[in-house]
Protein backbone atom coordinates (compact mmCIF):
# COMPACT_ATOMS: atom_id res chain seq x y z
CA UNK A 1 35.24 -18.16 -53.56
CA UNK A 2 37.03 -15.32 -55.32
CA UNK A 3 37.35 -15.78 -59.06
CA UNK A 4 41.14 -15.43 -59.01
CA UNK A 5 41.46 -18.29 -56.50
CA UNK A 6 39.74 -20.77 -58.83
CA UNK A 7 41.72 -23.05 -61.17
CA UNK A 8 42.19 -21.40 -64.56
CA UNK A 9 40.78 -23.08 -67.71
CA UNK A 10 41.37 -21.93 -71.30
CA UNK A 11 38.78 -22.69 -74.02
CA UNK A 12 39.94 -22.39 -77.63
CA UNK A 13 37.41 -22.71 -80.49
CA UNK A 14 36.79 -20.73 -83.62
CA UNK A 15 33.01 -20.99 -82.97
CA UNK A 16 32.02 -18.26 -80.44
CA UNK A 17 28.78 -20.08 -79.54
CA UNK A 18 30.66 -23.24 -78.66
CA UNK A 19 33.07 -21.22 -76.51
CA UNK A 20 30.17 -19.51 -74.69
CA UNK A 21 28.43 -22.83 -74.07
CA UNK A 22 31.48 -24.44 -72.55
CA UNK A 23 32.18 -21.30 -70.49
CA UNK A 24 28.69 -21.39 -68.94
CA UNK A 25 29.17 -25.01 -67.95
CA UNK A 26 32.57 -24.49 -66.28
CA UNK A 27 32.41 -20.95 -64.87
CA UNK A 28 30.92 -22.00 -61.52
CA UNK A 29 33.97 -24.10 -60.58
CA UNK A 30 36.74 -22.55 -62.66
CA UNK A 31 38.13 -19.25 -63.81
CA UNK A 32 37.47 -19.51 -67.53
CA UNK A 33 39.46 -17.74 -70.29
CA UNK A 34 38.24 -17.85 -73.88
CA UNK A 35 39.99 -17.53 -77.25
CA UNK A 36 38.66 -17.91 -80.81
CA UNK A 37 42.12 -17.95 -82.43
CA UNK A 38 45.37 -19.73 -81.75
CA UNK A 39 47.29 -16.44 -81.46
CA UNK A 40 44.91 -15.18 -78.77
CA UNK A 41 45.20 -18.50 -76.93
CA UNK A 42 49.03 -18.25 -76.87
CA UNK A 43 48.76 -14.66 -75.62
CA UNK A 44 46.55 -15.76 -72.72
CA UNK A 45 48.89 -18.61 -71.89
CA UNK A 46 51.80 -16.17 -71.70
CA UNK A 47 49.99 -13.93 -69.22
CA UNK A 48 47.80 -16.24 -67.15
CA UNK A 49 48.43 -19.30 -64.98
CA UNK A 50 46.43 -21.77 -67.08
CA UNK A 51 46.09 -25.32 -65.83
CA UNK A 52 43.86 -26.99 -68.45
CA UNK A 53 43.29 -26.18 -72.17
CA UNK A 54 40.17 -27.32 -74.05
CA UNK A 55 40.88 -26.94 -77.75
CA UNK A 56 38.82 -27.69 -80.87
CA UNK A 57 40.64 -29.77 -83.49
CA UNK A 58 39.43 -28.18 -86.73
CA UNK A 59 40.23 -24.45 -86.72
CA UNK A 60 41.34 -22.16 -89.54
CA UNK A 61 45.05 -21.40 -89.65
CA UNK A 62 46.66 -23.41 -86.83
CA UNK A 63 44.88 -26.67 -86.04
CA UNK A 64 44.14 -27.87 -82.55
CA UNK A 65 46.92 -30.46 -82.69
CA UNK A 66 49.43 -27.84 -83.84
CA UNK A 67 48.38 -25.41 -81.11
CA UNK A 68 48.52 -28.03 -78.39
CA UNK A 69 51.92 -29.20 -79.69
CA UNK A 70 53.17 -25.63 -79.18
CA UNK A 71 51.58 -25.58 -75.70
CA UNK A 72 53.33 -28.85 -74.91
CA UNK A 73 56.67 -27.40 -75.98
CA UNK A 74 56.35 -24.14 -74.03
CA UNK A 75 54.14 -25.12 -71.08
CA UNK A 76 54.53 -28.90 -70.72
CA UNK A 77 52.80 -29.04 -67.32
CA UNK A 78 49.46 -27.73 -68.74
CA UNK A 79 46.84 -30.47 -69.27
CA UNK A 80 45.75 -30.62 -72.94
CA UNK A 81 42.25 -31.78 -73.91
CA UNK A 82 41.05 -31.84 -77.54
CA UNK A 83 37.42 -31.56 -78.65
CA UNK A 84 36.67 -33.00 -82.07
CA UNK A 85 33.74 -34.08 -84.18
CA UNK A 86 35.96 -36.25 -86.38
CA UNK A 87 37.34 -39.66 -85.67
CA UNK A 88 40.10 -39.72 -88.21
CA UNK A 89 42.72 -42.23 -87.06
CA UNK A 90 45.56 -40.07 -88.38
CA UNK A 91 44.36 -37.12 -86.27
CA UNK A 92 44.20 -39.26 -83.17
CA UNK A 93 47.71 -40.62 -83.72
CA UNK A 94 49.12 -37.12 -84.37
CA UNK A 95 47.36 -35.81 -81.29
CA UNK A 96 48.93 -38.43 -79.09
CA UNK A 97 52.42 -38.35 -80.63
CA UNK A 98 52.84 -34.64 -81.22
CA UNK A 99 50.60 -32.86 -78.73
CA UNK A 100 50.64 -35.39 -75.85
CA UNK A 101 46.87 -35.14 -75.48
CA UNK A 102 45.51 -35.94 -72.02
CA UNK A 103 41.95 -36.69 -73.18
CA UNK A 104 39.68 -36.70 -76.28
CA UNK A 105 36.12 -35.39 -76.07
CA UNK A 106 33.89 -36.17 -79.03
CA UNK A 107 31.17 -33.89 -80.31
CA UNK A 108 28.40 -33.63 -79.38
CA UNK A 109 29.63 -33.54 -75.81
CA UNK A 110 27.66 -33.82 -72.58
CA UNK A 111 28.05 -31.04 -69.94
CA UNK A 112 28.99 -33.55 -67.23
CA UNK A 113 31.69 -34.94 -69.51
CA UNK A 114 33.29 -31.49 -69.76
CA UNK A 115 33.06 -30.86 -66.01
CA UNK A 116 34.60 -34.22 -65.10
CA UNK A 117 37.39 -33.76 -67.66
CA UNK A 118 38.15 -30.28 -66.27
CA UNK A 119 38.21 -31.49 -62.65
CA UNK A 120 40.44 -34.44 -63.47
CA UNK A 121 42.74 -32.25 -65.57
CA UNK A 122 43.16 -29.70 -62.75
CA UNK A 123 43.78 -32.47 -60.22
CA UNK A 124 46.38 -34.11 -62.46
CA UNK A 125 48.02 -30.72 -63.04
CA UNK A 126 48.32 -30.17 -59.30
CA UNK A 127 49.64 -33.68 -58.71
CA UNK A 128 52.19 -33.22 -61.46
CA UNK A 129 53.39 -29.93 -59.95
CA UNK A 130 53.61 -31.55 -56.51
CA UNK A 131 55.59 -34.40 -58.05
CA UNK A 132 57.97 -32.00 -59.78
CA UNK A 133 58.38 -30.00 -56.58
CA UNK A 134 59.05 -33.10 -54.50
CA UNK A 135 61.44 -34.44 -57.12
CA UNK A 136 63.38 -31.19 -56.97
CA UNK A 137 63.35 -31.25 -53.18
CA UNK A 138 64.58 -34.84 -53.23
CA UNK A 139 67.45 -33.84 -55.50
CA UNK A 140 68.29 -30.96 -53.19
CA UNK A 141 67.83 -33.22 -50.17
CA UNK A 142 70.13 -35.80 -51.70
CA UNK A 143 72.76 -33.14 -52.23
CA UNK A 144 72.22 -31.88 -48.69
CA UNK A 145 72.43 -35.38 -47.21
CA UNK A 146 75.56 -36.15 -49.22
CA UNK A 147 77.14 -32.90 -48.03
CA UNK A 148 76.24 -33.63 -44.40
CA UNK A 149 77.53 -37.19 -44.76
CA UNK A 150 80.78 -35.96 -46.28
CA UNK A 151 81.17 -33.39 -43.51
CA UNK A 152 80.41 -36.04 -40.87
CA UNK A 153 82.99 -38.40 -42.35
CA UNK A 154 85.57 -35.61 -42.37
CA UNK A 155 84.71 -34.82 -38.74
CA UNK A 156 85.14 -38.46 -37.73
CA UNK A 157 88.45 -38.70 -39.59
CA UNK A 158 89.66 -35.61 -37.75
CA UNK A 159 88.42 -36.89 -34.37
CA UNK A 160 90.10 -40.28 -34.67
CA UNK A 161 93.33 -39.15 -36.25
CA UNK A 162 96.57 -40.19 -34.57
CA UNK A 163 97.77 -36.58 -34.60
CA UNK A 164 94.79 -35.43 -32.51
CA UNK A 165 95.34 -37.90 -29.66
CA UNK A 166 96.18 -35.72 -26.66
CA UNK A 167 99.83 -36.06 -25.70
CA UNK A 168 102.98 -33.98 -25.23
CA UNK A 169 106.20 -33.99 -27.32
CA UNK A 170 107.94 -36.21 -24.73
CA UNK A 171 105.02 -38.62 -24.29
CA UNK A 172 105.57 -42.39 -24.58
CA UNK A 173 102.36 -42.37 -26.63
CA UNK A 174 104.30 -40.90 -29.56
CA UNK A 175 106.03 -44.21 -30.29
CA UNK A 176 102.75 -46.09 -29.79
CA UNK A 177 100.97 -43.89 -32.35
CA UNK A 178 103.83 -44.22 -34.86
CA UNK A 179 103.69 -48.01 -34.62
CA UNK A 180 99.87 -48.12 -34.84
CA UNK A 181 99.90 -45.78 -37.85
CA UNK A 182 102.32 -48.06 -39.69
CA UNK A 183 100.24 -51.13 -38.88
CA UNK A 184 97.10 -49.34 -40.12
CA UNK A 185 98.47 -49.29 -43.68
CA UNK A 186 98.61 -53.09 -43.85
CA UNK A 187 95.45 -55.14 -43.99
CA UNK A 188 96.33 -57.52 -41.14
CA UNK A 189 94.84 -58.33 -37.71
CA UNK A 190 96.08 -56.23 -34.82
CA UNK A 191 96.45 -56.78 -31.07
CA UNK A 192 96.28 -53.87 -28.61
CA UNK A 193 97.46 -54.46 -25.03
CA UNK A 194 97.06 -52.20 -22.03
CA UNK A 195 95.30 -51.61 -18.74
CA UNK A 196 91.60 -50.80 -18.63
CA UNK A 197 90.88 -47.16 -19.27
CA UNK A 198 94.05 -46.39 -21.22
CA UNK A 199 92.26 -45.75 -24.51
CA UNK A 200 92.70 -48.99 -26.43
CA UNK A 201 89.44 -48.46 -28.34
CA UNK A 202 90.60 -45.02 -29.48
CA UNK A 203 93.77 -46.55 -30.88
CA UNK A 204 91.66 -49.19 -32.65
CA UNK A 205 89.41 -46.53 -34.19
CA UNK A 206 92.44 -44.50 -35.26
CA UNK A 207 93.85 -47.61 -36.97
CA UNK A 208 90.54 -48.14 -38.79
CA UNK A 209 90.23 -44.54 -39.99
CA UNK A 210 93.88 -44.47 -41.08
CA UNK A 211 93.41 -47.61 -43.17
CA UNK A 212 91.93 -48.27 -46.61
CA UNK A 213 88.75 -49.38 -44.85
CA UNK A 214 88.02 -45.93 -43.41
CA UNK A 215 84.82 -45.46 -45.44
CA UNK A 216 83.41 -48.80 -44.27
CA UNK A 217 81.79 -49.71 -40.90
CA UNK A 218 83.59 -49.99 -37.55
CA UNK A 219 82.03 -52.07 -34.77
CA UNK A 220 83.22 -52.79 -31.22
CA UNK A 221 82.17 -55.80 -29.15
CA UNK A 222 83.10 -56.53 -25.52
CA UNK A 223 83.87 -60.26 -25.43
CA UNK A 224 83.91 -60.33 -21.64
CA UNK A 225 80.47 -58.80 -21.18
CA UNK A 226 78.42 -61.22 -23.33
CA UNK A 227 77.79 -64.94 -22.67
CA UNK A 228 79.48 -67.25 -25.17
CA UNK A 229 76.34 -68.36 -27.04
CA UNK A 230 75.07 -64.78 -27.35
CA UNK A 231 78.50 -63.57 -28.43
CA UNK A 232 78.52 -66.12 -31.26
CA UNK A 233 75.07 -64.98 -32.36
CA UNK A 234 76.10 -61.32 -32.08
CA UNK A 235 79.12 -61.80 -34.34
CA UNK A 236 78.12 -64.61 -36.69
CA UNK A 237 74.34 -64.14 -36.72
CA UNK A 238 71.67 -66.82 -36.45
CA UNK A 239 68.76 -68.35 -38.30
CA UNK A 240 65.20 -68.17 -37.05
CA UNK A 241 64.52 -71.00 -34.62
CA UNK A 242 68.21 -71.80 -34.11
CA UNK A 243 67.73 -71.59 -30.34
CA UNK A 244 65.12 -70.60 -27.80
CA UNK A 245 64.23 -66.97 -28.31
CA UNK A 246 65.51 -66.78 -31.91
CA UNK A 247 62.19 -65.51 -33.30
CA UNK A 248 63.75 -64.02 -36.43
CA UNK A 249 66.89 -64.33 -38.54
CA UNK A 250 69.69 -62.03 -37.41
CA UNK A 251 72.60 -60.74 -39.48
CA UNK A 252 75.79 -60.85 -37.41
CA UNK A 253 78.16 -57.94 -36.91
CA UNK A 254 80.88 -59.63 -38.97
CA UNK A 255 78.56 -59.62 -41.97
CA UNK A 256 77.37 -56.07 -41.26
CA UNK A 257 81.01 -54.93 -41.05
CA UNK A 258 81.91 -56.51 -44.41
CA UNK A 259 84.72 -54.42 -45.86
CA UNK A 260 85.31 -52.68 -42.53
CA UNK A 261 86.79 -53.35 -39.11
CA UNK A 262 85.60 -55.00 -35.90
CA UNK A 263 87.17 -54.52 -32.46
CA UNK A 264 86.98 -57.49 -30.10
CA UNK A 265 87.56 -55.86 -26.73
CA UNK A 266 88.56 -57.88 -23.63
CA UNK A 267 89.73 -60.69 -25.91
CA UNK A 268 91.53 -62.31 -22.99
CA UNK A 269 88.13 -63.16 -21.45
CA UNK A 270 86.90 -65.10 -24.50
CA UNK A 271 86.09 -68.78 -23.95
CA UNK A 272 88.07 -71.56 -25.70
CA UNK A 273 85.02 -72.39 -27.85
CA UNK A 274 84.75 -68.82 -29.12
CA UNK A 275 88.51 -68.63 -29.64
CA UNK A 276 88.28 -71.65 -31.94
CA UNK A 277 85.43 -70.09 -34.00
CA UNK A 278 87.36 -66.84 -34.31
CA UNK A 279 90.52 -68.68 -35.38
CA UNK A 280 88.56 -70.49 -38.09
CA UNK A 281 87.18 -67.17 -39.34
CA UNK A 282 90.64 -65.59 -39.44
CA UNK A 283 91.95 -68.58 -41.40
CA UNK A 284 89.08 -69.05 -43.86
CA UNK A 285 87.41 -65.63 -43.99
CA UNK A 286 84.02 -67.38 -43.76
CA UNK A 287 81.20 -67.28 -41.23
CA UNK A 288 78.41 -69.74 -40.51
CA UNK A 289 75.37 -68.26 -38.71
CA UNK A 290 74.05 -70.28 -35.80
CA UNK A 291 71.56 -72.82 -37.13
CA UNK A 292 72.68 -72.45 -40.77
CA UNK A 293 74.23 -75.09 -43.00
CA UNK A 294 75.90 -72.82 -45.53
CA UNK A 295 78.85 -70.48 -45.00
CA UNK A 296 79.23 -66.89 -46.16
CA UNK A 297 82.42 -65.15 -47.13
CA UNK A 298 83.07 -61.75 -45.55
CA UNK A 299 86.06 -59.41 -45.58
CA UNK A 300 86.58 -57.91 -42.11
CA UNK A 301 89.71 -56.73 -40.36
CA UNK A 302 89.86 -57.95 -36.76
CA UNK A 303 91.47 -55.85 -34.02
CA UNK A 304 91.66 -57.49 -30.61
CA UNK A 305 92.24 -55.63 -27.33
CA UNK A 306 92.86 -56.91 -23.83
CA UNK A 307 94.22 -55.86 -20.44
CA UNK A 308 95.83 -59.28 -19.95
CA UNK A 309 99.26 -60.56 -20.90
CA UNK A 310 98.07 -62.77 -23.76
CA UNK A 311 101.50 -64.23 -24.43
CA UNK A 312 101.74 -65.46 -20.82
CA UNK A 313 98.14 -66.71 -21.07
CA UNK A 314 99.00 -68.60 -24.27
CA UNK A 315 102.11 -70.17 -22.74
CA UNK A 316 100.14 -71.30 -19.70
CA UNK A 317 97.44 -72.83 -21.92
CA UNK A 318 94.66 -70.43 -20.94
CA UNK A 319 94.59 -68.87 -24.41
CA UNK A 320 95.01 -70.56 -27.79
CA UNK A 321 98.59 -70.12 -28.93
CA UNK A 322 97.70 -70.36 -32.62
CA UNK A 323 95.08 -67.62 -32.20
CA UNK A 324 97.55 -65.44 -30.32
CA UNK A 325 100.07 -65.61 -33.16
CA UNK A 326 97.29 -64.90 -35.68
CA UNK A 327 96.47 -61.68 -33.84
CA UNK A 328 99.89 -60.62 -32.56
CA UNK A 329 101.67 -59.77 -35.81
CA UNK A 330 103.00 -56.66 -34.09
CA UNK A 331 101.38 -56.09 -30.67
CA UNK A 332 100.68 -52.50 -29.67
CA UNK A 333 101.07 -51.77 -25.96
CA UNK A 334 99.29 -48.68 -24.67
CA UNK A 335 101.04 -47.25 -21.57
CA UNK A 336 99.13 -46.58 -18.38
CA UNK A 337 98.58 -43.05 -17.13
CA UNK A 338 101.19 -43.65 -14.42
CA UNK A 339 103.71 -44.15 -17.23
CA UNK A 340 102.53 -40.97 -18.93
CA UNK A 341 102.84 -38.40 -16.16
CA UNK A 342 104.11 -35.87 -18.68
CA UNK A 343 100.68 -36.05 -20.37
CA UNK A 344 98.51 -35.66 -17.28
CA UNK A 345 98.27 -31.86 -17.46
CA UNK A 346 97.35 -31.87 -21.16
CA UNK A 347 94.81 -34.67 -20.68
CA UNK A 348 93.34 -32.95 -17.61
CA UNK A 349 92.71 -29.78 -19.60
CA UNK A 350 91.18 -31.69 -22.50
CA UNK A 351 88.87 -33.56 -20.10
CA UNK A 352 87.94 -30.33 -18.32
CA UNK A 353 87.09 -28.63 -21.60
CA UNK A 354 84.89 -31.54 -22.66
CA UNK A 355 83.14 -31.76 -19.27
CA UNK A 356 82.60 -28.00 -19.23
CA UNK A 357 80.85 -28.12 -22.62
CA UNK A 358 78.84 -31.22 -21.74
CA UNK A 359 77.51 -29.86 -18.43
CA UNK A 360 77.20 -26.23 -19.53
CA UNK A 361 79.43 -24.89 -16.76
CA UNK A 362 82.22 -22.63 -18.07
CA UNK A 363 85.49 -22.52 -16.13
CA UNK A 364 88.91 -20.98 -16.70
CA UNK A 365 91.28 -23.77 -15.66
CA UNK A 366 93.18 -25.30 -12.73
CA UNK A 367 95.36 -23.89 -10.01
CA UNK A 368 98.99 -24.98 -10.20
CA UNK A 369 98.65 -26.80 -6.89
CA UNK A 370 95.71 -28.82 -8.27
CA UNK A 371 97.73 -29.87 -11.31
CA UNK A 372 100.65 -30.89 -9.08
CA UNK A 373 98.32 -33.06 -6.99
CA UNK A 374 96.84 -34.69 -10.10
CA UNK A 375 100.32 -35.39 -11.44
CA UNK A 376 101.46 -37.06 -8.16
CA UNK A 377 98.67 -39.66 -8.13
CA UNK A 378 99.17 -42.99 -9.95
CA UNK A 379 95.61 -43.24 -11.40
CA UNK A 380 95.04 -47.02 -11.27
CA UNK A 381 91.81 -46.44 -13.19
CA UNK A 382 93.75 -44.49 -15.81
CA UNK A 383 91.95 -41.90 -17.92
CA UNK A 384 88.48 -42.97 -16.81
CA UNK A 385 89.40 -42.33 -13.18
CA UNK A 386 90.98 -38.99 -14.06
CA UNK A 387 87.85 -38.02 -15.98
CA UNK A 388 85.64 -38.85 -13.00
CA UNK A 389 87.87 -36.79 -10.70
CA UNK A 390 87.77 -33.76 -12.98
CA UNK A 391 83.99 -34.03 -13.42
CA UNK A 392 83.65 -34.08 -9.62
CA UNK A 393 85.87 -31.01 -9.32
CA UNK A 394 83.77 -29.23 -11.94
CA UNK A 395 80.52 -30.01 -10.11
CA UNK A 396 81.85 -28.81 -6.73
CA UNK A 397 83.63 -25.72 -8.06
CA UNK A 398 82.32 -22.35 -6.92
CA UNK A 399 84.96 -20.31 -8.74
CA UNK A 400 86.19 -20.38 -12.35
CA UNK A 401 89.55 -21.83 -11.27
CA UNK A 402 89.53 -25.42 -9.97
CA UNK A 403 91.75 -25.66 -6.88
CA UNK A 404 93.30 -28.57 -5.01
CA UNK A 405 90.60 -28.29 -2.32
CA UNK A 406 88.18 -29.94 -4.78
CA UNK A 407 90.29 -33.08 -5.16
CA UNK A 408 89.44 -36.22 -3.17
CA UNK A 409 91.61 -36.93 -0.13
CA UNK A 410 93.16 -40.17 -1.36
CA UNK A 411 94.42 -38.31 -4.44
CA UNK A 412 95.80 -35.42 -2.38
CA UNK A 413 97.56 -37.83 0.01
CA UNK A 414 99.30 -39.65 -2.82
CA UNK A 415 103.07 -39.59 -2.90
CA UNK A 416 104.90 -39.72 -6.18
CA UNK A 417 107.13 -37.83 -8.58
CA UNK A 418 105.86 -34.39 -9.35
CA UNK A 419 107.25 -32.08 -11.95
CA UNK A 420 106.59 -29.04 -9.78
CA UNK A 421 106.87 -30.67 -6.33
CA UNK A 422 108.76 -29.14 -3.43
CA UNK A 423 112.20 -30.82 -3.18
CA UNK A 424 112.30 -30.91 0.63
CA UNK A 425 108.92 -32.60 0.92
CA UNK A 426 109.75 -35.06 -1.83
CA UNK A 427 113.04 -35.92 -0.02
CA UNK A 428 111.17 -36.65 3.20
CA UNK A 429 108.49 -38.69 1.39
CA UNK A 430 110.96 -40.77 -0.62
CA UNK A 431 113.17 -43.73 0.43
CA UNK A 432 112.72 -46.28 3.18
CA UNK A 433 114.34 -44.96 6.37
CA UNK A 434 113.60 -45.79 9.99
CA UNK A 435 110.30 -45.35 11.79
CA UNK A 436 110.95 -41.69 12.56
CA UNK A 437 111.60 -40.91 8.91
CA UNK A 438 108.50 -42.75 7.80
CA UNK A 439 106.32 -40.95 10.34
CA UNK A 440 107.73 -37.63 9.18
CA UNK A 441 106.93 -38.48 5.57
CA UNK A 442 103.37 -39.34 6.51
CA UNK A 443 103.06 -36.19 8.63
CA UNK A 444 104.26 -34.05 5.74
CA UNK A 445 101.72 -35.62 3.41
CA UNK A 446 98.88 -35.05 5.90
CA UNK A 447 99.91 -31.42 6.38
CA UNK A 448 99.96 -30.77 2.65
CA UNK A 449 96.62 -32.52 2.06
CA UNK A 450 94.89 -30.65 4.93
CA UNK A 451 96.19 -27.27 3.80
CA UNK A 452 95.13 -27.96 0.21
CA UNK A 453 91.59 -28.84 1.28
CA UNK A 454 91.36 -25.59 3.28
CA UNK A 455 92.88 -23.55 0.45
CA UNK A 456 95.93 -22.88 2.62
CA UNK A 457 93.88 -21.27 5.37
CA UNK A 458 96.30 -22.03 8.22
CA UNK A 459 93.83 -21.27 11.00
CA UNK A 460 91.32 -23.86 9.73
CA UNK A 461 94.04 -26.40 9.04
CA UNK A 462 95.53 -25.95 12.51
CA UNK A 463 92.09 -26.30 14.08
CA UNK A 464 91.40 -29.57 12.21
CA UNK A 465 94.81 -30.98 13.10
CA UNK A 466 94.59 -29.89 16.76
CA UNK A 467 97.59 -27.57 16.45
CA UNK A 468 98.16 -23.94 17.22
CA UNK A 469 99.03 -21.62 14.36
CA UNK A 470 102.56 -21.38 15.80
CA UNK A 471 102.84 -25.18 15.99
CA UNK A 472 101.57 -25.54 12.43
CA UNK A 473 104.02 -22.94 11.15
CA UNK A 474 106.87 -24.72 12.96
CA UNK A 475 106.03 -28.01 11.25
CA UNK A 476 105.75 -26.33 7.84
CA UNK A 477 109.18 -24.78 8.31
CA UNK A 478 110.60 -28.10 9.51
CA UNK A 479 109.41 -29.98 6.44
CA UNK A 480 110.01 -27.12 4.04
CA UNK A 481 106.37 -26.98 2.97
CA UNK A 482 105.75 -23.67 1.26
CA UNK A 483 102.45 -22.22 0.16
CA UNK A 484 102.36 -22.62 -3.63
CA UNK A 485 102.46 -19.56 -5.78
CA UNK A 486 99.03 -20.58 -6.91
CA UNK A 487 97.38 -17.23 -7.23
CA UNK A 488 98.06 -17.38 -10.96
CA UNK A 489 95.83 -20.08 -12.51
CA UNK A 490 96.77 -22.20 -15.51
CA UNK A 491 94.06 -21.51 -18.06
CA UNK A 492 92.20 -23.60 -20.60
CA UNK A 493 93.00 -21.02 -23.26
CA UNK A 494 96.67 -21.98 -22.96
CA UNK A 495 95.79 -25.51 -24.10
CA UNK A 496 93.44 -24.74 -27.01
CA UNK A 497 95.56 -26.76 -29.42
CA UNK A 498 94.78 -29.92 -27.43
CA UNK A 499 91.04 -29.40 -27.00
CA UNK A 500 89.76 -30.90 -30.26
CA UNK A 501 91.15 -34.43 -30.24
CA UNK A 502 90.10 -37.61 -28.49
CA UNK A 503 91.40 -38.27 -25.00
CA UNK A 504 94.02 -40.99 -24.79
C-alpha cells in the first residue's frame, strides 16, 4: 500500500530515541510524522491530514496537555493520546478537562499497546468524520424534505382551490363554489348533493383546503362500498380480538384525521346502525373503537356527500332526520353536466390535456363539429362519462385534431340544445309533431351522425345509407344540413388558462 494512502499518525516527544522507537513500531501500518518540539508538531498539523497524535506529557516549553489542548481547539476531530511516566492526579484531571484526551499510555509502554491504541484512534477518527458527515447530510436532507413538503402543500392548495375548478364565467358552478367557499370558513359539518360523477369529492377537498384545517389530513370513505361492520372498524378502529380476523389493534380513520377532515361519500347508502354511531360522534366528538371500553376525543370535520335526495329520504323514514339536520346546515348541490352545457367545451379541453399527458400522445384539439356533438349529449354519467369518451377519441385518433368521427354513435345521435347547432335541423328535431315530423327528425339525426362518422365523405355516407349521391344531397338540402366549417380546429393552446385545475 502506498505510504500516502495510510492513516497519518503524529508522534511528539522531546526524546528523539523515544520518537524513533514508536515510529518503528507503527510505520508498517501508518504514515508516521515525528516532532521533537510543540512548534514543529503544530506546523505538521497545519500541513498534513493527521488523524491521531501521540504526545509525551513532560516536555520543555509547552507541555503535552497544553499542546493537546491547542490541538483540540484547532483540530477537534484529531484523536489525542498522551504518553506519560507520571501518575499525578492533577495531570490526569487537566488532561481530561482541558485536552479531551482519548487515551493514556503509561511508560514503559508495550509495542502492542501502542499499535492497538493507534488502530482504535484511527477507527474512531473515521467514525467521527462519518458521523459529522451524516449529521450534516441529515440537516441538509431535513431542509430538502421540508422544502419539498412545503412545495407539495402549495401544489395541493393550488390544485384544490375553488378558483382552479374548470368552469366558464356563465357557469352555474360559480354560485356553488361561492357557497362552498363561505361554508369552508366555518368549522361545521357540510352536506354535498349531486349525481354521481359531478365532482362532489373535488368540492369536499376544496372546502378542506380552504379551511383552517388545510395543513391537517383529509380522508375519503365510500359508505356504500363497505359492509357496515367493516365501515365501523375503518372509521372508529378496533381492538385486537374484537372480532374474527382482528389480529391486531387498528387506529380508525377518524382518529388518524384528528384536526383534519373526513369525507363520507355515498352517505345515503349508510345503514341505520351506522347513522346512529355517526350522529353520536357528531354530538359528542368522541369515538369508541370496536371492542374497547373507553372513549377517545377527536376533532374532525365531517363532510357528507350523496347522490340521493336526503331530505326526501329523511321524511320517508329511510334516513335519520336528526342526522340529516346535523349535516345539512347549508346543503351544497353540485349541478349535473347536462345543467352545465356552457362548461362542456372547457371541461373537454381540460380532460383532453390531462389524457394527452397521461398517455403520452400529443394532440392539438377538437374539430368544431366534435365539440358541437359533445355539447348536444346529456352525459348521464357526467364528467366520468365525458372523460371516458375523450380518452376513447384520443386512443382512436390518427390526426392531431380529434373529429366527430371518433365519437360513439349514441353520442352523435343525441338531440339537444347546441350552442353552434344548425337552426333548421334543431327546428326539425324539436317539438312533438305528427308521425311525419317525428320521422323527419329521426332521419335528420341519422344523416348527421352518418356524415360525421365518415368525416363528411358523401359517397361513403350515401353507400352506407343505400342512397345515391343525388338523393343524399336532396335530403341534406331538405333538412338544411350543411357541412360544418370544421377545417379550422379549436386548439388546446386556446384553453391554456383552464389546463391546470381539477376537473369539475
